[in-house]
Amino acid sequence: MCTSQASRLFDSTEMAICKVLDAAVDSKEGTMNVTADDCLKTLATHLPLAKVVMISKLILNQEKVQEARACLVLKMMTRLFEGLPTDELNAVVDDLAPCAINAYDSPASSVRKTAVYCLVAMVNKLGMKTMEPYLKNLTSGKLNLVQVYVQRTMASSSHSQF
């Protein structure tokens, strides 16, 4: 349904995303998290971008966002930056990059790790020049980690082309 009938969810994008997040966070079953993760990644690229951005910002800017919820939203954002055209993403980077930067300061290591992957996806898609204003506030250690992962993804993608 997420892919073939996504248009049916356009009017209830926020509710669909929140319901999937709730199901994952409230579940004690590990397979539910994997399913919810896949579902959110699909919804991110098939539902209206403005609504996905709005709900992502709302969730990540909460004062005490749950660790699991933050990770799932950051993974959804990562898929967004991997799967959508650059011109669409340039329009929303001002909204989403600060959320990923703030998540990188989370006390939870899983949130920080997911935030790094999200920032790497942003840099890979939009380029370091576009992301520089957001990354300049990171400590040198954090910035270096993002740059290392960017270089690794570039190296692995160049090897896979041969």
N, C-alpha and C. Protein backbone atom coordinates (compact mmCIF):
# COMPACT_ATOMS: atom_id res chain seq x y z
N MET A 1 0.83 -1.20 0.00
CA MET A 1 0.00 0.00 0.00
C MET A 1 0.87 1.25 0.00
N CYS A 2 1.99 1.20 0.70
CA CYS A 2 2.85 2.39 0.80
C CYS A 2 3.34 2.86 -0.56
N THR A 3 3.57 1.94 -1.47
CA THR A 3 4.07 2.35 -2.78
C THR A 3 2.97 2.43 -3.83
N SER A 4 2.16 1.41 -3.93
CA SER A 4 1.18 1.37 -5.00
C SER A 4 -0.03 2.27 -4.76
N GLN A 5 -0.34 2.55 -3.51
CA GLN A 5 -1.50 3.38 -3.22
C GLN A 5 -1.14 4.56 -2.32
N ALA A 6 0.05 5.07 -2.47
CA ALA A 6 0.50 6.18 -1.62
C ALA A 6 -0.39 7.40 -1.72
N SER A 7 -0.97 7.64 -2.89
CA SER A 7 -1.81 8.82 -3.06
C SER A 7 -3.02 8.80 -2.12
N ARG A 8 -3.44 7.64 -1.69
CA ARG A 8 -4.55 7.55 -0.73
C ARG A 8 -4.17 8.10 0.64
N LEU A 9 -2.89 8.17 0.90
CA LEU A 9 -2.41 8.65 2.19
C LEU A 9 -2.02 10.13 2.18
N PHE A 10 -2.11 10.80 1.03
CA PHE A 10 -1.66 12.18 0.92
C PHE A 10 -2.32 13.09 1.95
N ASP A 11 -3.62 12.95 2.13
CA ASP A 11 -4.34 13.82 3.06
C ASP A 11 -4.07 13.49 4.52
N SER A 12 -3.53 12.32 4.78
CA SER A 12 -3.27 11.92 6.16
C SER A 12 -1.80 11.52 6.35
N THR A 13 -0.91 12.23 5.68
CA THR A 13 0.53 11.93 5.76
C THR A 13 1.03 11.94 7.19
N GLU A 14 0.71 13.00 7.91
CA GLU A 14 1.20 13.13 9.28
C GLU A 14 0.69 11.97 10.15
N MET A 15 -0.58 11.63 9.99
CA MET A 15 -1.16 10.56 10.78
C MET A 15 -0.52 9.22 10.42
N ALA A 16 -0.30 8.97 9.14
CA ALA A 16 0.31 7.71 8.71
C ALA A 16 1.70 7.56 9.31
N ILE A 17 2.50 8.60 9.24
CA ILE A 17 3.85 8.54 9.78
C ILE A 17 3.82 8.36 11.29
N CYS A 18 2.97 9.09 11.97
CA CYS A 18 2.88 8.98 13.43
C CYS A 18 2.39 7.60 13.87
N LYS A 19 1.44 7.03 13.14
CA LYS A 19 0.93 5.70 13.48
C LYS A 19 2.03 4.64 13.33
N VAL A 20 2.81 4.75 12.26
CA VAL A 20 3.91 3.80 12.07
C VAL A 20 4.95 3.97 13.18
N LEU A 21 5.26 5.21 13.52
CA LEU A 21 6.21 5.46 14.61
C LEU A 21 5.69 4.90 15.94
N ASP A 22 4.43 5.15 16.22
CA ASP A 22 3.83 4.64 17.46
C ASP A 22 3.88 3.12 17.51
N ALA A 23 3.56 2.48 16.40
CA ALA A 23 3.57 1.02 16.37
C ALA A 23 4.98 0.48 16.64
N ALA A 24 5.98 1.12 16.09
CA ALA A 24 7.36 0.67 16.28
C ALA A 24 7.83 0.91 17.71
N VAL A 25 7.54 2.08 18.24
CA VAL A 25 8.01 2.44 19.57
C VAL A 25 7.29 1.64 20.66
N ASP A 26 6.00 1.38 20.45
CA ASP A 26 5.22 0.65 21.44
C ASP A 26 5.40 -0.86 21.39
N SER A 27 5.97 -1.36 20.32
CA SER A 27 6.12 -2.80 20.14
C SER A 27 7.36 -3.32 20.86
N LYS A 28 7.22 -4.50 21.40
CA LYS A 28 8.35 -5.18 22.05
C LYS A 28 9.02 -6.14 21.06
N GLU A 29 8.42 -6.29 19.90
CA GLU A 29 8.89 -7.24 18.91
C GLU A 29 9.89 -6.57 17.96
N GLY A 30 11.05 -7.16 17.80
CA GLY A 30 12.10 -6.60 16.96
C GLY A 30 11.73 -6.50 15.50
N THR A 31 10.94 -7.45 15.01
CA THR A 31 10.58 -7.40 13.59
C THR A 31 9.69 -6.21 13.27
N MET A 32 8.96 -5.73 14.26
CA MET A 32 8.11 -4.56 14.03
C MET A 32 8.97 -3.33 13.74
N ASN A 33 10.11 -3.20 14.40
CA ASN A 33 10.99 -2.06 14.14
C ASN A 33 11.54 -2.10 12.72
N VAL A 34 11.89 -3.28 12.25
CA VAL A 34 12.41 -3.43 10.89
C VAL A 34 11.31 -3.08 9.88
N THR A 35 10.11 -3.57 10.13
CA THR A 35 8.98 -3.30 9.25
C THR A 35 8.64 -1.82 9.24
N ALA A 36 8.60 -1.22 10.43
CA ALA A 36 8.29 0.21 10.52
C ALA A 36 9.36 1.05 9.83
N ASP A 37 10.61 0.66 9.99
CA ASP A 37 11.71 1.36 9.35
C ASP A 37 11.54 1.33 7.83
N ASP A 38 11.27 0.16 7.28
CA ASP A 38 11.05 0.03 5.83
C ASP A 38 9.84 0.84 5.37
N CYS A 39 8.77 0.78 6.15
CA CYS A 39 7.55 1.50 5.80
C CYS A 39 7.80 3.02 5.79
N LEU A 40 8.48 3.53 6.82
CA LEU A 40 8.76 4.96 6.89
C LEU A 40 9.66 5.42 5.74
N LYS A 41 10.64 4.59 5.40
CA LYS A 41 11.53 4.94 4.28
C LYS A 41 10.74 5.03 2.98
N THR A 42 9.78 4.15 2.81
CA THR A 42 8.95 4.18 1.61
C THR A 42 8.01 5.38 1.62
N LEU A 43 7.37 5.62 2.76
CA LEU A 43 6.47 6.76 2.88
C LEU A 43 7.19 8.08 2.60
N ALA A 44 8.42 8.18 3.06
CA ALA A 44 9.18 9.42 2.90
C ALA A 44 9.33 9.83 1.44
N THR A 45 9.45 8.85 0.56
CA THR A 45 9.67 9.19 -0.84
C THR A 45 8.39 9.12 -1.68
N HIS A 46 7.28 8.73 -1.07
CA HIS A 46 6.04 8.61 -1.83
C HIS A 46 4.94 9.58 -1.38
N LEU A 47 5.14 10.23 -0.26
CA LEU A 47 4.14 11.17 0.25
C LEU A 47 4.62 12.60 0.03
N PRO A 48 3.74 13.58 0.17
CA PRO A 48 4.12 14.98 -0.08
C PRO A 48 5.32 15.42 0.77
N LEU A 49 6.35 15.91 0.12
CA LEU A 49 7.59 16.28 0.78
C LEU A 49 7.38 17.31 1.88
N ALA A 50 6.57 18.31 1.64
CA ALA A 50 6.35 19.36 2.64
C ALA A 50 5.79 18.79 3.93
N LYS A 51 4.91 17.82 3.81
CA LYS A 51 4.31 17.22 5.01
C LYS A 51 5.31 16.30 5.73
N VAL A 52 6.12 15.59 4.97
CA VAL A 52 7.14 14.73 5.58
C VAL A 52 8.15 15.59 6.33
N VAL A 53 8.54 16.70 5.73
CA VAL A 53 9.48 17.62 6.37
C VAL A 53 8.88 18.21 7.64
N MET A 54 7.62 18.62 7.56
CA MET A 54 6.98 19.22 8.72
C MET A 54 6.91 18.26 9.90
N ILE A 55 6.49 17.02 9.66
CA ILE A 55 6.37 16.06 10.76
C ILE A 55 7.74 15.65 11.29
N SER A 56 8.72 15.58 10.41
CA SER A 56 10.09 15.25 10.85
C SER A 56 10.63 16.33 11.77
N LYS A 57 10.47 17.57 11.36
CA LYS A 57 10.91 18.70 12.20
C LYS A 57 10.20 18.71 13.53
N LEU A 58 8.91 18.51 13.49
CA LEU A 58 8.10 18.53 14.71
C LEU A 58 8.59 17.47 15.70
N ILE A 59 8.83 16.29 15.21
CA ILE A 59 9.26 15.19 16.09
C ILE A 59 10.68 15.42 16.61
N LEU A 60 11.59 15.76 15.72
CA LEU A 60 12.99 15.91 16.14
C LEU A 60 13.24 17.16 16.99
N ASN A 61 12.38 18.14 16.90
CA ASN A 61 12.56 19.36 17.70
C ASN A 61 11.88 19.28 19.07
N GLN A 62 11.25 18.15 19.36
CA GLN A 62 10.66 17.98 20.69
C GLN A 62 11.77 17.98 21.73
N GLU A 63 11.45 18.51 22.90
CA GLU A 63 12.46 18.61 23.95
C GLU A 63 12.96 17.24 24.40
N LYS A 64 12.05 16.30 24.58
CA LYS A 64 12.44 14.96 25.03
C LYS A 64 11.90 13.92 24.07
N VAL A 65 12.46 13.87 22.87
CA VAL A 65 12.03 12.90 21.89
C VAL A 65 12.60 11.53 22.27
N GLN A 66 11.77 10.50 22.10
CA GLN A 66 12.22 9.15 22.41
C GLN A 66 13.33 8.73 21.47
N GLU A 67 14.28 8.00 22.01
CA GLU A 67 15.44 7.55 21.23
C GLU A 67 15.03 6.77 19.98
N ALA A 68 14.14 5.81 20.14
CA ALA A 68 13.71 4.98 19.01
C ALA A 68 12.99 5.82 17.96
N ARG A 69 12.15 6.72 18.41
CA ARG A 69 11.41 7.59 17.49
C ARG A 69 12.37 8.48 16.70
N ALA A 70 13.35 9.06 17.39
CA ALA A 70 14.32 9.93 16.73
C ALA A 70 15.13 9.15 15.68
N CYS A 71 15.54 7.94 16.03
CA CYS A 71 16.31 7.12 15.08
C CYS A 71 15.48 6.79 13.83
N LEU A 72 14.23 6.43 14.03
CA LEU A 72 13.38 6.10 12.89
C LEU A 72 13.16 7.31 11.98
N VAL A 73 12.96 8.47 12.56
CA VAL A 73 12.75 9.68 11.75
C VAL A 73 14.04 10.05 11.01
N LEU A 74 15.18 9.92 11.67
CA LEU A 74 16.45 10.22 11.01
C LEU A 74 16.72 9.24 9.86
N LYS A 75 16.37 7.98 10.04
CA LYS A 75 16.51 7.00 8.96
C LYS A 75 15.58 7.36 7.80
N MET A 76 14.39 7.82 8.13
CA MET A 76 13.44 8.25 7.11
C MET A 76 14.02 9.45 6.34
N MET A 77 14.62 10.38 7.05
CA MET A 77 15.23 11.54 6.41
C MET A 77 16.41 11.12 5.53
N THR A 78 17.17 10.14 5.98
CA THR A 78 18.29 9.64 5.19
C THR A 78 17.78 9.10 3.87
N ARG A 79 16.73 8.31 3.91
CA ARG A 79 16.15 7.76 2.68
C ARG A 79 15.64 8.88 1.78
N LEU A 80 15.08 9.91 2.40
CA LEU A 80 14.60 11.07 1.65
C LEU A 80 15.74 11.65 0.82
N PHE A 81 16.90 11.83 1.45
CA PHE A 81 18.04 12.43 0.76
C PHE A 81 18.70 11.47 -0.22
N GLU A 82 18.53 10.20 -0.02
CA GLU A 82 19.08 9.24 -0.97
C GLU A 82 18.17 9.06 -2.18
N GLY A 83 16.87 9.26 -1.98
CA GLY A 83 15.93 8.89 -3.02
C GLY A 83 15.27 9.98 -3.82
N LEU A 84 15.36 11.22 -3.39
CA LEU A 84 14.68 12.29 -4.11
C LEU A 84 15.66 13.13 -4.92
N PRO A 85 15.16 13.81 -5.94
CA PRO A 85 16.04 14.66 -6.77
C PRO A 85 16.62 15.83 -5.98
N THR A 86 17.81 16.24 -6.37
CA THR A 86 18.54 17.30 -5.68
C THR A 86 17.75 18.60 -5.62
N ASP A 87 17.07 18.97 -6.70
CA ASP A 87 16.34 20.25 -6.69
C ASP A 87 15.24 20.27 -5.64
N GLU A 88 14.57 19.15 -5.43
CA GLU A 88 13.54 19.09 -4.38
C GLU A 88 14.16 19.20 -3.00
N LEU A 89 15.31 18.57 -2.82
CA LEU A 89 15.97 18.56 -1.52
C LEU A 89 16.60 19.89 -1.17
N ASN A 90 17.06 20.63 -2.17
CA ASN A 90 17.62 21.96 -1.91
C ASN A 90 16.59 22.86 -1.24
N ALA A 91 15.33 22.64 -1.56
CA ALA A 91 14.26 23.46 -0.99
C ALA A 91 13.97 23.15 0.47
N VAL A 92 14.39 21.97 0.95
CA VAL A 92 14.06 21.60 2.33
C VAL A 92 15.27 21.44 3.24
N VAL A 93 16.47 21.64 2.69
CA VAL A 93 17.68 21.45 3.49
C VAL A 93 17.72 22.42 4.68
N ASP A 94 17.21 23.63 4.50
CA ASP A 94 17.19 24.60 5.60
C ASP A 94 16.32 24.13 6.76
N ASP A 95 15.34 23.32 6.47
CA ASP A 95 14.47 22.79 7.52
C ASP A 95 15.04 21.55 8.18
N LEU A 96 15.67 20.68 7.39
CA LEU A 96 16.07 19.37 7.91
C LEU A 96 17.50 19.29 8.43
N ALA A 97 18.42 20.03 7.83
CA ALA A 97 19.81 19.97 8.28
C ALA A 97 19.97 20.35 9.75
N PRO A 98 19.34 21.44 10.23
CA PRO A 98 19.47 21.76 11.65
C PRO A 98 18.94 20.65 12.57
N CYS A 99 17.92 19.93 12.13
CA CYS A 99 17.39 18.82 12.92
C CYS A 99 18.43 17.71 13.06
N ALA A 100 19.10 17.40 11.96
CA ALA A 100 20.14 16.36 11.99
C ALA A 100 21.34 16.81 12.82
N ILE A 101 21.69 18.08 12.70
CA ILE A 101 22.81 18.62 13.50
C ILE A 101 22.48 18.54 14.99
N ASN A 102 21.27 18.92 15.36
CA ASN A 102 20.86 18.84 16.77
C ASN A 102 20.83 17.40 17.26
N ALA A 103 20.39 16.49 16.41
CA ALA A 103 20.35 15.08 16.80
C ALA A 103 21.75 14.53 17.01
N TYR A 104 22.73 15.10 16.32
CA TYR A 104 24.12 14.67 16.47
C TYR A 104 24.64 14.98 17.87
N ASP A 105 23.98 15.87 18.58
CA ASP A 105 24.35 16.22 19.95
C ASP A 105 23.57 15.42 20.99
N SER A 106 22.78 14.47 20.56
CA SER A 106 21.96 13.68 21.47
C SER A 106 22.82 12.90 22.47
N PRO A 107 22.31 12.72 23.67
CA PRO A 107 23.04 11.88 24.63
C PRO A 107 23.01 10.39 24.25
N ALA A 108 22.08 10.00 23.40
CA ALA A 108 21.94 8.60 22.99
C ALA A 108 22.86 8.30 21.81
N SER A 109 23.73 7.33 21.95
CA SER A 109 24.68 7.01 20.89
C SER A 109 23.99 6.54 19.61
N SER A 110 22.88 5.83 19.73
CA SER A 110 22.18 5.36 18.53
C SER A 110 21.62 6.54 17.72
N VAL A 111 21.17 7.57 18.40
CA VAL A 111 20.66 8.76 17.71
C VAL A 111 21.81 9.50 17.03
N ARG A 112 22.93 9.62 17.73
CA ARG A 112 24.10 10.28 17.13
C ARG A 112 24.57 9.54 15.88
N LYS A 113 24.63 8.22 15.97
CA LYS A 113 25.07 7.40 14.85
C LYS A 113 24.14 7.58 13.65
N THR A 114 22.84 7.56 13.90
CA THR A 114 21.87 7.72 12.83
C THR A 114 21.93 9.13 12.25
N ALA A 115 22.19 10.11 13.10
CA ALA A 115 22.34 11.50 12.63
C ALA A 115 23.54 11.64 11.70
N VAL A 116 24.63 10.94 12.01
CA VAL A 116 25.82 10.98 11.15
C VAL A 116 25.47 10.44 9.77
N TYR A 117 24.79 9.29 9.73
CA TYR A 117 24.40 8.72 8.44
C TYR A 117 23.49 9.66 7.66
N CYS A 118 22.61 10.34 8.36
CA CYS A 118 21.71 11.30 7.72
C CYS A 118 22.51 12.47 7.14
N LEU A 119 23.45 13.00 7.90
CA LEU A 119 24.28 14.10 7.42
C LEU A 119 25.13 13.67 6.23
N VAL A 120 25.63 12.45 6.26
CA VAL A 120 26.42 11.94 5.15
C VAL A 120 25.56 11.86 3.88
N ALA A 121 24.33 11.40 4.03
CA ALA A 121 23.42 11.34 2.88
C ALA A 121 23.16 12.75 2.33
N MET A 122 23.03 13.72 3.23
CA MET A 122 22.81 15.10 2.80
C MET A 122 24.03 15.62 2.02
N VAL A 123 25.21 15.38 2.56
CA VAL A 123 26.43 15.84 1.89
C VAL A 123 26.60 15.15 0.55
N ASN A 124 26.36 13.85 0.52
CA ASN A 124 26.51 13.10 -0.74
C ASN A 124 25.56 13.60 -1.82
N LYS A 125 24.36 13.97 -1.42
CA LYS A 125 23.36 14.40 -2.40
C LYS A 125 23.51 15.86 -2.79
N LEU A 126 23.76 16.72 -1.80
CA LEU A 126 23.76 18.16 -2.04
C LEU A 126 25.15 18.76 -2.18
N GLY A 127 26.17 18.05 -1.73
CA GLY A 127 27.53 18.54 -1.81
C GLY A 127 27.97 19.25 -0.54
N MET A 128 29.26 19.25 -0.31
CA MET A 128 29.82 19.85 0.90
C MET A 128 29.60 21.36 0.92
N LYS A 129 29.63 21.98 -0.24
CA LYS A 129 29.46 23.44 -0.29
C LYS A 129 28.07 23.85 0.23
N THR A 130 27.04 23.12 -0.16
CA THR A 130 25.68 23.42 0.30
C THR A 130 25.54 23.15 1.79
N MET A 131 26.20 22.09 2.27
CA MET A 131 26.05 21.69 3.67
C MET A 131 27.00 22.44 4.61
N GLU A 132 27.97 23.11 4.08
CA GLU A 132 28.98 23.78 4.90
C GLU A 132 28.41 24.72 5.96
N PRO A 133 27.40 25.56 5.63
CA PRO A 133 26.87 26.46 6.66
C PRO A 133 26.29 25.71 7.88
N TYR A 134 25.82 24.51 7.68
CA TYR A 134 25.25 23.73 8.78
C TYR A 134 26.33 22.98 9.54
N LEU A 135 27.31 22.49 8.80
CA LEU A 135 28.36 21.67 9.41
C LEU A 135 29.41 22.51 10.13
N LYS A 136 29.49 23.81 9.85
CA LYS A 136 30.54 24.64 10.43
C LYS A 136 30.43 24.75 11.95
N ASN A 137 29.24 24.52 12.49
CA ASN A 137 29.07 24.62 13.94
C ASN A 137 29.43 23.34 14.68
N LEU A 138 29.75 22.28 13.94
CA LEU A 138 30.16 21.03 14.58
C LEU A 138 31.58 21.15 15.12
N THR A 139 31.86 20.40 16.16
CA THR A 139 33.23 20.34 16.66
C THR A 139 34.10 19.68 15.59
N SER A 140 35.39 19.89 15.68
CA SER A 140 36.28 19.33 14.65
C SER A 140 36.20 17.80 14.62
N GLY A 141 36.05 17.17 15.76
CA GLY A 141 35.92 15.71 15.80
C GLY A 141 34.67 15.21 15.11
N LYS A 142 33.55 15.89 15.36
CA LYS A 142 32.29 15.49 14.73
C LYS A 142 32.32 15.74 13.23
N LEU A 143 32.87 16.86 12.84
CA LEU A 143 32.98 17.17 11.41
C LEU A 143 33.89 16.17 10.71
N ASN A 144 34.98 15.82 11.37
CA ASN A 144 35.91 14.85 10.80
C ASN A 144 35.22 13.49 10.59
N LEU A 145 34.40 13.07 11.53
CA LEU A 145 33.69 11.80 11.39
C LEU A 145 32.75 11.83 10.19
N VAL A 146 32.03 12.92 10.02
CA VAL A 146 31.14 13.05 8.85
C VAL A 146 31.97 12.98 7.57
N GLN A 147 33.08 13.68 7.53
CA GLN A 147 33.92 13.69 6.33
C GLN A 147 34.51 12.30 6.03
N VAL A 148 34.88 11.57 7.07
CA VAL A 148 35.39 10.21 6.87
C VAL A 148 34.33 9.33 6.23
N TYR A 149 33.11 9.40 6.74
CA TYR A 149 32.03 8.58 6.17
C TYR A 149 31.66 9.02 4.76
N VAL A 150 31.71 10.30 4.48
CA VAL A 150 31.46 10.79 3.13
C VAL A 150 32.51 10.22 2.18
N GLN A 151 33.76 10.26 2.59
CA GLN A 151 34.84 9.72 1.75
C GLN A 151 34.67 8.22 1.54
N ARG A 152 34.26 7.51 2.57
CA ARG A 152 34.04 6.06 2.45
C ARG A 152 32.92 5.75 1.46
N THR A 153 31.84 6.51 1.55
CA THR A 153 30.73 6.23 0.63
C THR A 153 31.11 6.57 -0.80
N MET A 154 31.89 7.63 -0.97
CA MET A 154 32.35 7.97 -2.32
C MET A 154 33.29 6.90 -2.85
N ALA A 155 34.17 6.41 -2.01
CA ALA A 155 35.12 5.37 -2.44
C ALA A 155 34.38 4.08 -2.77
N SER A 156 33.41 3.71 -1.95
CA SER A 156 32.67 2.47 -2.21
C SER A 156 31.79 2.60 -3.45
N SER A 157 31.23 3.78 -3.70
CA SER A 157 30.41 3.95 -4.89
C SER A 157 31.26 3.97 -6.16
N SER A 158 32.48 4.46 -6.08
CA SER A 158 33.35 4.46 -7.25
C SER A 158 33.84 3.04 -7.55
N HIS A 159 34.02 2.22 -6.52
CA HIS A 159 34.40 0.81 -6.74
C HIS A 159 33.27 0.02 -7.34
N SER A 160 32.05 0.32 -6.95
CA SER A 160 30.91 -0.43 -7.44
C SER A 160 30.56 -0.10 -8.89
N GLN A 161 31.08 1.01 -9.41
CA GLN A 161 30.80 1.39 -10.79
C GLN A 161 31.65 0.59 -11.78
N PHE A 162 32.70 -0.03 -11.31
CA PHE A 162 33.60 -0.77 -12.20
C PHE A 162 33.22 -2.21 -12.31
